[in-house]
PDB file of N, CA and C in Angstrom:
ATOM      1  N   UNK A   1      57.617  45.936 145.887  1.00  0.00           N
ATOM      2  CA  UNK A   1      58.470  45.809 147.057  1.00  0.00           C
ATOM      3  C   UNK A   1      59.658  44.900 146.795  1.00  0.00           C
ATOM      4  N   UNK A   2      59.476  43.879 145.960  1.00  0.00           N
ATOM      5  CA  UNK A   2      60.546  42.955 145.709  1.00  0.00           C
ATOM      6  C   UNK A   2      61.517  43.429 144.642  1.00  0.00           C
ATOM      7  N   UNK A   3      61.317  44.638 144.129  1.00  0.00           N
ATOM      8  CA  UNK A   3      62.193  45.148 143.072  1.00  0.00           C
ATOM      9  C   UNK A   3      63.534  45.573 143.631  1.00  0.00           C
ATOM     10  N   UNK A   4      64.568  45.269 142.880  1.00  0.00           N
ATOM     11  CA  UNK A   4      65.889  45.798 143.212  1.00  0.00           C
ATOM     12  C   UNK A   4      66.083  47.060 142.404  1.00  0.00           C
ATOM     13  N   UNK A   5      66.348  48.134 143.051  1.00  0.00           N
ATOM     14  CA  UNK A   5      66.566  49.398 142.348  1.00  0.00           C
ATOM     15  C   UNK A   5      68.020  49.809 142.509  1.00  0.00           C
ATOM     16  N   UNK A   6      68.572  50.222 141.403  1.00  0.00           N
ATOM     17  CA  UNK A   6      69.943  50.720 141.439  1.00  0.00           C
ATOM     18  C   UNK A   6      69.853  52.235 141.458  1.00  0.00           C
ATOM     19  N   UNK A   7      70.427  52.803 142.457  1.00  0.00           N
ATOM     20  CA  UNK A   7      70.410  54.258 142.582  1.00  0.00           C
ATOM     21  C   UNK A   7      71.672  54.818 141.945  1.00  0.00           C
ATOM     22  N   UNK A   8      71.476  55.660 140.970  1.00  0.00           N
ATOM     23  CA  UNK A   8      72.620  56.277 140.322  1.00  0.00           C
ATOM     24  C   UNK A   8      73.001  57.539 141.084  1.00  0.00           C
ATOM     25  N   UNK A   9      74.269  57.654 141.366  1.00  0.00           N
ATOM     26  CA  UNK A   9      74.762  58.838 142.061  1.00  0.00           C
ATOM     27  C   UNK A   9      75.246  59.816 141.000  1.00  0.00           C
ATOM     28  N   UNK A  10      74.709  61.008 141.041  1.00  0.00           N
ATOM     29  CA  UNK A  10      75.115  62.023 140.086  1.00  0.00           C
ATOM     30  C   UNK A  10      75.755  63.184 140.835  1.00  0.00           C
ATOM     31  N   UNK A  11      76.664  63.820 140.160  1.00  0.00           N
ATOM     32  CA  UNK A  11      77.322  64.977 140.744  1.00  0.00           C
ATOM     33  C   UNK A  11      76.532  66.232 140.411  1.00  0.00           C
ATOM     34  N   UNK A  12      76.339  67.056 141.410  1.00  0.00           N
ATOM     35  CA  UNK A  12      75.677  68.336 141.221  1.00  0.00           C
ATOM     36  C   UNK A  12      76.735  69.413 141.419  1.00  0.00           C
ATOM     37  N   UNK A  13      76.848  70.281 140.430  1.00  0.00           N
ATOM     38  CA  UNK A  13      77.824  71.362 140.477  1.00  0.00           C
ATOM     39  C   UNK A  13      77.082  72.679 140.604  1.00  0.00           C
ATOM     40  N   UNK A  14      77.692  73.602 141.317  1.00  0.00           N
ATOM     41  CA  UNK A  14      77.099  74.917 141.466  1.00  0.00           C
ATOM     42  C   UNK A  14      78.095  75.949 140.976  1.00  0.00           C
ATOM     43  N   UNK A  15      77.616  76.864 140.150  1.00  0.00           N
ATOM     44  CA  UNK A  15      78.488  77.899 139.609  1.00  0.00           C
ATOM     45  C   UNK A  15      78.332  79.176 140.424  1.00  0.00           C
ATOM     46  N   UNK A  16      79.400  79.621 141.086  1.00  0.00           N
ATOM     47  CA  UNK A  16      79.329  80.861 141.864  1.00  0.00           C
ATOM     48  C   UNK A  16      79.081  82.100 140.987  1.00  0.00           C
ATOM     49  N   UNK A  17      79.427  82.018 139.700  1.00  0.00           N
ATOM     50  CA  UNK A  17      79.238  83.160 138.813  1.00  0.00           C
ATOM     51  C   UNK A  17      77.771  83.361 138.429  1.00  0.00           C
ATOM     52  N   UNK A  18      77.110  82.309 137.961  1.00  0.00           N
ATOM     53  CA  UNK A  18      75.724  82.454 137.473  1.00  0.00           C
ATOM     54  C   UNK A  18      74.689  81.914 138.455  1.00  0.00           C
ATOM     55  N   UNK A  19      75.154  81.288 139.523  1.00  0.00           N
ATOM     56  CA  UNK A  19      74.275  80.753 140.585  1.00  0.00           C
ATOM     57  C   UNK A  19      73.436  79.559 140.142  1.00  0.00           C
ATOM     58  N   UNK A  20      73.738  78.966 138.987  1.00  0.00           N
ATOM     59  CA  UNK A  20      73.007  77.784 138.530  1.00  0.00           C
ATOM     60  C   UNK A  20      73.561  76.531 139.183  1.00  0.00           C
ATOM     61  N   UNK A  21      72.653  75.577 139.405  1.00  0.00           N
ATOM     62  CA  UNK A  21      73.034  74.235 139.853  1.00  0.00           C
ATOM     63  C   UNK A  21      72.934  73.338 138.623  1.00  0.00           C
ATOM     64  N   UNK A  22      73.969  72.557 138.388  1.00  0.00           N
ATOM     65  CA  UNK A  22      74.049  71.756 137.182  1.00  0.00           C
ATOM     66  C   UNK A  22      74.270  70.297 137.553  1.00  0.00           C
ATOM     67  N   UNK A  23      73.425  69.443 137.002  1.00  0.00           N
ATOM     68  CA  UNK A  23      73.593  68.007 137.148  1.00  0.00           C
ATOM     69  C   UNK A  23      73.852  67.440 135.762  1.00  0.00           C
ATOM     70  N   UNK A  24      75.014  66.857 135.587  1.00  0.00           N
ATOM     71  CA  UNK A  24      75.322  66.224 134.311  1.00  0.00           C
ATOM     72  C   UNK A  24      74.600  64.884 134.249  1.00  0.00           C
ATOM     73  N   UNK A  25      74.082  64.523 133.080  1.00  0.00           N
ATOM     74  CA  UNK A  25      73.399  63.232 132.951  1.00  0.00           C
ATOM     75  C   UNK A  25      74.349  62.088 133.335  1.00  0.00           C
ATOM     76  N   UNK A  26      73.878  61.127 134.119  1.00  0.00           N
ATOM     77  CA  UNK A  26      74.769  60.037 134.550  1.00  0.00           C
ATOM     78  C   UNK A  26      75.297  59.203 133.387  1.00  0.00           C
ATOM     79  N   UNK A  27      74.570  59.186 132.263  1.00  0.00           N
ATOM     80  CA  UNK A  27      75.012  58.408 131.112  1.00  0.00           C
ATOM     81  C   UNK A  27      76.019  59.157 130.237  1.00  0.00           C
ATOM     82  N   UNK A  28      76.344  60.404 130.596  1.00  0.00           N
ATOM     83  CA  UNK A  28      77.301  61.183 129.812  1.00  0.00           C
ATOM     84  C   UNK A  28      78.711  60.647 130.036  1.00  0.00           C
ATOM     85  N   UNK A  29      79.313  60.192 128.946  1.00  0.00           N
ATOM     86  CA  UNK A  29      80.659  59.629 129.023  1.00  0.00           C
ATOM     87  C   UNK A  29      81.709  60.701 128.728  1.00  0.00           C
ATOM     88  N   UNK A  30      82.949  60.328 128.915  1.00  0.00           N
ATOM     89  CA  UNK A  30      84.046  61.235 128.579  1.00  0.00           C
ATOM     90  C   UNK A  30      84.044  61.543 127.083  1.00  0.00           C
ATOM     91  N   UNK A  31      83.691  60.549 126.269  1.00  0.00           N
ATOM     92  CA  UNK A  31      83.606  60.756 124.822  1.00  0.00           C
ATOM     93  C   UNK A  31      82.488  61.740 124.491  1.00  0.00           C
ATOM     94  N   UNK A  32      81.362  61.650 125.208  1.00  0.00           N
ATOM     95  CA  UNK A  32      80.270  62.604 125.013  1.00  0.00           C
ATOM     96  C   UNK A  32      80.729  64.020 125.351  1.00  0.00           C
ATOM     97  N   UNK A  33      81.458  64.149 126.433  1.00  0.00           N
ATOM     98  CA  UNK A  33      81.950  65.463 126.853  1.00  0.00           C
ATOM     99  C   UNK A  33      82.881  66.047 125.802  1.00  0.00           C
ATOM    100  N   UNK A  34      83.773  65.228 125.279  1.00  0.00           N
ATOM    101  CA  UNK A  34      84.690  65.693 124.238  1.00  0.00           C
ATOM    102  C   UNK A  34      83.921  66.110 122.982  1.00  0.00           C
ATOM    103  N   UNK A  35      82.882  65.364 122.644  1.00  0.00           N
ATOM    104  CA  UNK A  35      82.053  65.678 121.479  1.00  0.00           C
ATOM    105  C   UNK A  35      81.324  66.999 121.685  1.00  0.00           C
ATOM    106  N   UNK A  36      80.777  67.212 122.883  1.00  0.00           N
ATOM    107  CA  UNK A  36      80.084  68.465 123.198  1.00  0.00           C
ATOM    108  C   UNK A  36      81.046  69.640 123.062  1.00  0.00           C
ATOM    109  N   UNK A  37      82.245  69.499 123.606  1.00  0.00           N
ATOM    110  CA  UNK A  37      83.243  70.575 123.519  1.00  0.00           C
ATOM    111  C   UNK A  37      83.630  70.833 122.063  1.00  0.00           C
ATOM    112  N   UNK A  38      83.804  69.776 121.294  1.00  0.00           N
ATOM    113  CA  UNK A  38      84.185  69.919 119.884  1.00  0.00           C
ATOM    114  C   UNK A  38      83.086  70.643 119.105  1.00  0.00           C
ATOM    115  N   UNK A  39      81.835  70.262 119.326  1.00  0.00           N
ATOM    116  CA  UNK A  39      80.718  70.923 118.632  1.00  0.00           C
ATOM    117  C   UNK A  39      80.638  72.385 119.054  1.00  0.00           C
ATOM    118  N   UNK A  40      80.771  72.633 120.341  1.00  0.00           N
ATOM    119  CA  UNK A  40      80.673  73.999 120.868  1.00  0.00           C
ATOM    120  C   UNK A  40      81.760  74.891 120.265  1.00  0.00           C
ATOM    121  N   UNK A  41      82.961  74.367 120.146  1.00  0.00           N
ATOM    122  CA  UNK A  41      84.086  75.161 119.645  1.00  0.00           C
ATOM    123  C   UNK A  41      84.074  75.326 118.132  1.00  0.00           C
ATOM    124  N   UNK A  42      83.514  74.362 117.421  1.00  0.00           N
ATOM    125  CA  UNK A  42      83.573  74.441 115.963  1.00  0.00           C
ATOM    126  C   UNK A  42      82.258  74.863 115.309  1.00  0.00           C
ATOM    127  N   UNK A  43      81.134  74.471 115.880  1.00  0.00           N
ATOM    128  CA  UNK A  43      79.843  74.724 115.223  1.00  0.00           C
ATOM    129  C   UNK A  43      78.957  75.729 115.950  1.00  0.00           C
ATOM    130  N   UNK A  44      79.289  76.035 117.177  1.00  0.00           N
ATOM    131  CA  UNK A  44      78.544  77.057 117.895  1.00  0.00           C
ATOM    132  C   UNK A  44      77.491  76.535 118.858  1.00  0.00           C
ATOM    133  N   UNK A  45      76.831  77.488 119.477  1.00  0.00           N
ATOM    134  CA  UNK A  45      75.912  77.206 120.576  1.00  0.00           C
ATOM    135  C   UNK A  45      74.649  76.469 120.151  1.00  0.00           C
ATOM    136  N   UNK A  46      74.063  76.847 119.037  1.00  0.00           N
ATOM    137  CA  UNK A  46      72.804  76.217 118.622  1.00  0.00           C
ATOM    138  C   UNK A  46      73.020  74.736 118.324  1.00  0.00           C
ATOM    139  N   UNK A  47      74.086  74.412 117.625  1.00  0.00           N
ATOM    140  CA  UNK A  47      74.369  72.999 117.321  1.00  0.00           C
ATOM    141  C   UNK A  47      74.677  72.227 118.596  1.00  0.00           C
ATOM    142  N   UNK A  48      75.339  72.874 119.546  1.00  0.00           N
ATOM    143  CA  UNK A  48      75.635  72.231 120.823  1.00  0.00           C
ATOM    144  C   UNK A  48      74.346  71.926 121.573  1.00  0.00           C
ATOM    145  N   UNK A  49      73.447  72.893 121.616  1.00  0.00           N
ATOM    146  CA  UNK A  49      72.155  72.676 122.276  1.00  0.00           C
ATOM    147  C   UNK A  49      71.391  71.526 121.625  1.00  0.00           C
ATOM    148  N   UNK A  50      71.345  71.514 120.305  1.00  0.00           N
ATOM    149  CA  UNK A  50      70.655  70.441 119.583  1.00  0.00           C
ATOM    150  C   UNK A  50      71.223  69.079 119.963  1.00  0.00           C
ATOM    151  N   UNK A  51      72.545  68.995 120.010  1.00  0.00           N
ATOM    152  CA  UNK A  51      73.198  67.724 120.329  1.00  0.00           C
ATOM    153  C   UNK A  51      72.848  67.277 121.749  1.00  0.00           C
ATOM    154  N   UNK A  52      72.966  68.168 122.710  1.00  0.00           N
ATOM    155  CA  UNK A  52      72.693  67.806 124.109  1.00  0.00           C
ATOM    156  C   UNK A  52      71.233  67.386 124.274  1.00  0.00           C
ATOM    157  N   UNK A  53      70.317  68.146 123.693  1.00  0.00           N
ATOM    158  CA  UNK A  53      68.890  67.839 123.804  1.00  0.00           C
ATOM    159  C   UNK A  53      68.593  66.469 123.193  1.00  0.00           C
ATOM    160  N   UNK A  54      69.114  66.232 121.997  1.00  0.00           N
ATOM    161  CA  UNK A  54      68.834  64.976 121.297  1.00  0.00           C
ATOM    162  C   UNK A  54      69.494  63.784 121.991  1.00  0.00           C
ATOM    163  N   UNK A  55      70.747  63.934 122.364  1.00  0.00           N
ATOM    164  CA  UNK A  55      71.516  62.811 122.921  1.00  0.00           C
ATOM    165  C   UNK A  55      71.050  62.419 124.321  1.00  0.00           C
ATOM    166  N   UNK A  56      70.725  63.413 125.148  1.00  0.00           N
ATOM    167  CA  UNK A  56      70.432  63.126 126.553  1.00  0.00           C
ATOM    168  C   UNK A  56      68.979  63.360 126.948  1.00  0.00           C
ATOM    169  N   UNK A  57      68.156  63.768 125.971  1.00  0.00           N
ATOM    170  CA  UNK A  57      66.719  63.989 126.214  1.00  0.00           C
ATOM    171  C   UNK A  57      66.484  64.993 127.344  1.00  0.00           C
ATOM    172  N   UNK A  58      67.290  66.054 127.350  1.00  0.00           N
ATOM    173  CA  UNK A  58      67.146  67.124 128.336  1.00  0.00           C
ATOM    174  C   UNK A  58      66.324  68.249 127.736  1.00  0.00           C
ATOM    175  N   UNK A  59      65.783  69.076 128.594  1.00  0.00           N
ATOM    176  CA  UNK A  59      65.060  70.250 128.140  1.00  0.00           C
ATOM    177  C   UNK A  59      66.018  71.343 127.703  1.00  0.00           C
ATOM    178  N   UNK A  60      65.458  72.384 127.103  1.00  0.00           N
ATOM    179  CA  UNK A  60      66.262  73.489 126.597  1.00  0.00           C
ATOM    180  C   UNK A  60      67.037  74.183 127.716  1.00  0.00           C
ATOM    181  N   UNK A  61      66.382  74.467 128.831  1.00  0.00           N
ATOM    182  CA  UNK A  61      67.047  75.174 129.930  1.00  0.00           C
ATOM    183  C   UNK A  61      68.198  74.357 130.508  1.00  0.00           C
ATOM    184  N   UNK A  62      67.962  73.079 130.772  1.00  0.00           N
ATOM    185  CA  UNK A  62      69.025  72.223 131.307  1.00  0.00           C
ATOM    186  C   UNK A  62      70.200  72.136 130.333  1.00  0.00           C
ATOM    187  N   UNK A  63      69.888  71.993 129.072  1.00  0.00           N
ATOM    188  CA  UNK A  63      70.925  71.893 128.047  1.00  0.00           C
ATOM    189  C   UNK A  63      71.720  73.188 127.942  1.00  0.00           C
ATOM    190  N   UNK A  64      71.018  74.305 128.029  1.00  0.00           N
ATOM    191  CA  UNK A  64      71.682  75.612 127.940  1.00  0.00           C
ATOM    192  C   UNK A  64      72.633  75.828 129.115  1.00  0.00           C
ATOM    193  N   UNK A  65      72.211  75.430 130.301  1.00  0.00           N
ATOM    194  CA  UNK A  65      73.061  75.617 131.479  1.00  0.00           C
ATOM    195  C   UNK A  65      74.349  74.795 131.344  1.00  0.00           C
ATOM    196  N   UNK A  66      74.251  73.608 130.781  1.00  0.00           N
ATOM    197  CA  UNK A  66      75.466  72.825 130.526  1.00  0.00           C
ATOM    198  C   UNK A  66      76.323  73.531 129.481  1.00  0.00           C
ATOM    199  N   UNK A  67      75.702  73.912 128.370  1.00  0.00           N
ATOM    200  CA  UNK A  67      76.427  74.498 127.244  1.00  0.00           C
ATOM    201  C   UNK A  67      77.174  75.783 127.624  1.00  0.00           C
ATOM    202  N   UNK A  68      76.566  76.632 128.434  1.00  0.00           N
ATOM    203  CA  UNK A  68      77.210  77.913 128.743  1.00  0.00           C
ATOM    204  C   UNK A  68      78.421  77.769 129.668  1.00  0.00           C
ATOM    205  N   UNK A  69      78.661  76.557 130.164  1.00  0.00           N
ATOM    206  CA  UNK A  69      79.820  76.332 131.017  1.00  0.00           C
ATOM    207  C   UNK A  69      80.946  75.580 130.312  1.00  0.00           C
ATOM    208  N   UNK A  70      80.760  75.270 129.027  1.00  0.00           N
ATOM    209  CA  UNK A  70      81.812  74.607 128.249  1.00  0.00           C
ATOM    210  C   UNK A  70      82.822  75.668 127.830  1.00  0.00           C
ATOM    211  N   UNK A  71      84.082  75.433 128.168  1.00  0.00           N
ATOM    212  CA  UNK A  71      85.123  76.408 127.823  1.00  0.00           C
ATOM    213  C   UNK A  71      85.273  76.477 126.305  1.00  0.00           C
ATOM    214  N   UNK A  72      84.966  77.651 125.750  1.00  0.00           N
ATOM    215  CA  UNK A  72      85.038  77.858 124.305  1.00  0.00           C
ATOM    216  C   UNK A  72      86.493  77.792 123.827  1.00  0.00           C
ATOM    217  N   UNK A  73      87.359  78.393 124.574  1.00  0.00           N
ATOM    218  CA  UNK A  73      88.790  78.324 124.297  1.00  0.00           C
ATOM    219  C   UNK A  73      89.365  77.367 125.347  1.00  0.00           C
ATOM    220  N   UNK A  74      89.731  76.163 124.911  1.00  0.00           N
ATOM    221  CA  UNK A  74      90.165  75.143 125.868  1.00  0.00           C
ATOM    222  C   UNK A  74      91.244  75.681 126.799  1.00  0.00           C
ATOM    223  N   UNK A  75      91.106  75.321 128.060  1.00  0.00           N
ATOM    224  CA  UNK A  75      92.025  75.704 129.136  1.00  0.00           C
ATOM    225  C   UNK A  75      91.917  77.170 129.532  1.00  0.00           C
ATOM    226  N   UNK A  76      90.826  77.827 129.117  1.00  0.00           N
ATOM    227  CA  UNK A  76      90.570  79.205 129.528  1.00  0.00           C
ATOM    228  C   UNK A  76      89.145  79.326 130.045  1.00  0.00           C
ATOM    229  N   UNK A  77      88.979  80.080 131.106  1.00  0.00           N
ATOM    230  CA  UNK A  77      87.689  80.234 131.770  1.00  0.00           C
ATOM    231  C   UNK A  77      86.651  80.860 130.844  1.00  0.00           C
ATOM    232  N   UNK A  78      85.477  80.278 130.829  1.00  0.00           N
ATOM    233  CA  UNK A  78      84.368  80.790 130.029  1.00  0.00           C
ATOM    234  C   UNK A  78      83.857  82.123 130.589  1.00  0.00           C
ATOM    235  N   UNK A  79      84.108  82.380 131.857  1.00  0.00           N
ATOM    236  CA  UNK A  79      83.595  83.585 132.502  1.00  0.00           C
ATOM    237  C   UNK A  79      84.556  84.768 132.411  1.00  0.00           C
ATOM    238  N   UNK A  80      85.830  84.534 132.734  1.00  0.00           N
ATOM    239  CA  UNK A  80      86.779  85.660 132.779  1.00  0.00           C
ATOM    240  C   UNK A  80      87.924  85.540 131.767  1.00  0.00           C
ATOM    241  N   UNK A  81      88.080  84.373 131.140  1.00  0.00           N
ATOM    242  CA  UNK A  81      89.120  84.194 130.128  1.00  0.00           C
ATOM    243  C   UNK A  81      90.490  83.817 130.667  1.00  0.00           C
ATOM    244  N   UNK A  82      90.647  83.791 131.981  1.00  0.00           N
ATOM    245  CA  UNK A  82      91.948  83.441 132.545  1.00  0.00           C
ATOM    246  C   UNK A  82      92.236  81.948 132.395  1.00  0.00           C
ATOM    247  N   UNK A  83      93.492  81.590 132.548  1.00  0.00           N
ATOM    248  CA  UNK A  83      93.940  80.209 132.361  1.00  0.00           C
ATOM    249  C   UNK A  83      93.382  79.301 133.454  1.00  0.00           C
ATOM    250  N   UNK A  84      92.892  78.129 133.017  1.00  0.00           N
ATOM    251  CA  UNK A  84      92.424  77.109 133.952  1.00  0.00           C
ATOM    252  C   UNK A  84      93.572  76.171 134.273  1.00  0.00           C
ATOM    253  N   UNK A  85      93.616  75.687 135.494  1.00  0.00           N
ATOM    254  CA  UNK A  85      94.716  74.842 135.933  1.00  0.00           C
ATOM    255  C   UNK A  85      94.457  73.359 135.712  1.00  0.00           C
ATOM    256  N   UNK A  86      93.184  72.995 135.488  1.00  0.00           N
ATOM    257  CA  UNK A  86      92.830  71.588 135.345  1.00  0.00           C
ATOM    258  C   UNK A  86      91.903  71.384 134.161  1.00  0.00           C
ATOM    259  N   UNK A  87      91.858  70.150 133.679  1.00  0.00           N
ATOM    260  CA  UNK A  87      90.884  69.789 132.658  1.00  0.00           C
ATOM    261  C   UNK A  87      89.702  69.115 133.351  1.00  0.00           C
ATOM    262  N   UNK A  88      88.646  68.857 132.579  1.00  0.00           N
ATOM    263  CA  UNK A  88      87.447  68.248 133.158  1.00  0.00           C
ATOM    264  C   UNK A  88      86.548  69.301 133.759  1.00  0.00           C
ATOM    265  N   UNK A  89      85.822  68.901 134.785  1.00  0.00           N
ATOM    266  CA  UNK A  89      84.965  69.847 135.507  1.00  0.00           C
ATOM    267  C   UNK A  89      85.851  70.558 136.508  1.00  0.00           C
ATOM    268  N   UNK A  90      85.955  71.863 136.361  1.00  0.00           N
ATOM    269  CA  UNK A  90      86.890  72.608 137.202  1.00  0.00           C
ATOM    270  C   UNK A  90      86.364  74.008 137.500  1.00  0.00           C
ATOM    271  N   UNK A  91      86.909  74.593 138.526  1.00  0.00           N
ATOM    272  CA  UNK A  91      86.553  75.962 138.903  1.00  0.00           C
ATOM    273  C   UNK A  91      87.753  76.862 138.631  1.00  0.00           C
ATOM    274  N   UNK A  92      87.483  78.035 138.091  1.00  0.00           N
ATOM    275  CA  UNK A  92      88.535  78.978 137.744  1.00  0.00           C
ATOM    276  C   UNK A  92      89.240  79.482 139.003  1.00  0.00           C
ATOM    277  N   UNK A  93      90.579  79.496 139.009  1.00  0.00           N
ATOM    278  CA  UNK A  93      91.307  80.004 140.167  1.00  0.00           C
ATOM    279  C   UNK A  93      91.182  81.525 140.320  1.00  0.00           C
ATOM    280  N   UNK A  94      90.778  82.205 139.258  1.00  0.00           N
ATOM    281  CA  UNK A  94      90.656  83.667 139.307  1.00  0.00           C
ATOM    282  C   UNK A  94      89.282  84.134 139.736  1.00  0.00           C
ATOM    283  N   UNK A  95      88.223  83.587 139.098  1.00  0.00           N
ATOM    284  CA  UNK A  95      86.868  84.102 139.367  1.00  0.00           C
ATOM    285  C   UNK A  95      85.965  83.075 140.044  1.00  0.00           C
ATOM    286  N   UNK A  96      86.448  81.865 140.234  1.00  0.00           N
ATOM    287  CA  UNK A  96      85.706  80.755 140.847  1.00  0.00           C
ATOM    288  C   UNK A  96      84.579  80.212 139.994  1.00  0.00           C
ATOM    289  N   UNK A  97      84.471  80.665 138.745  1.00  0.00           N
ATOM    290  CA  UNK A  97      83.415  80.185 137.858  1.00  0.00           C
ATOM    291  C   UNK A  97      83.578  78.723 137.484  1.00  0.00           C
ATOM    292  N   UNK A  98      82.464  78.034 137.352  1.00  0.00           N
ATOM    293  CA  UNK A  98      82.455  76.635 136.934  1.00  0.00           C
ATOM    294  C   UNK A  98      82.748  76.536 135.444  1.00  0.00           C
ATOM    295  N   UNK A  99      83.626  75.615 135.075  1.00  0.00           N
ATOM    296  CA  UNK A  99      83.978  75.379 133.682  1.00  0.00           C
ATOM    297  C   UNK A  99      83.957  73.897 133.387  1.00  0.00           C
ATOM    298  N   UNK A 100      83.403  73.549 132.229  1.00  0.00           N
ATOM    299  CA  UNK A 100      83.540  72.206 131.708  1.00  0.00           C
ATOM    300  C   UNK A 100      84.667  72.295 130.677  1.00  0.00           C
ATOM    301  N   UNK A 101      85.871  72.079 131.162  1.00  0.00           N
ATOM    302  CA  UNK A 101      87.080  72.216 130.349  1.00  0.00           C
ATOM    303  C   UNK A 101      87.413  70.845 129.754  1.00  0.00           C
ATOM    304  N   UNK A 102      86.534  70.425 128.825  1.00  0.00           N
ATOM    305  CA  UNK A 102      86.643  69.114 128.208  1.00  0.00           C
ATOM    306  C   UNK A 102      87.478  69.175 126.954  1.00  0.00           C
TER     307      UNK A 102
END
């Protein structure tokens, strides 16, 4: 009862395209996001999954849901390929799909 607990607020994103709900780990930094995008674009999906699982201690399914939303071609939607207007966590103006445009 006398414990002080710090509640971490995490953002939950929902993708209208795949209907998945995604919670990014609260300890994920901007540098981590850039590293994930770099691995995804240069080494592929399996290496990206390995990195996310190892770094954040997430399960395969959670890691996969994050990975499939990383824009493979920066500034282009992972779902429809159209140009994204923003960097970071963003939704495509064309198809409304969630993108991690890191």
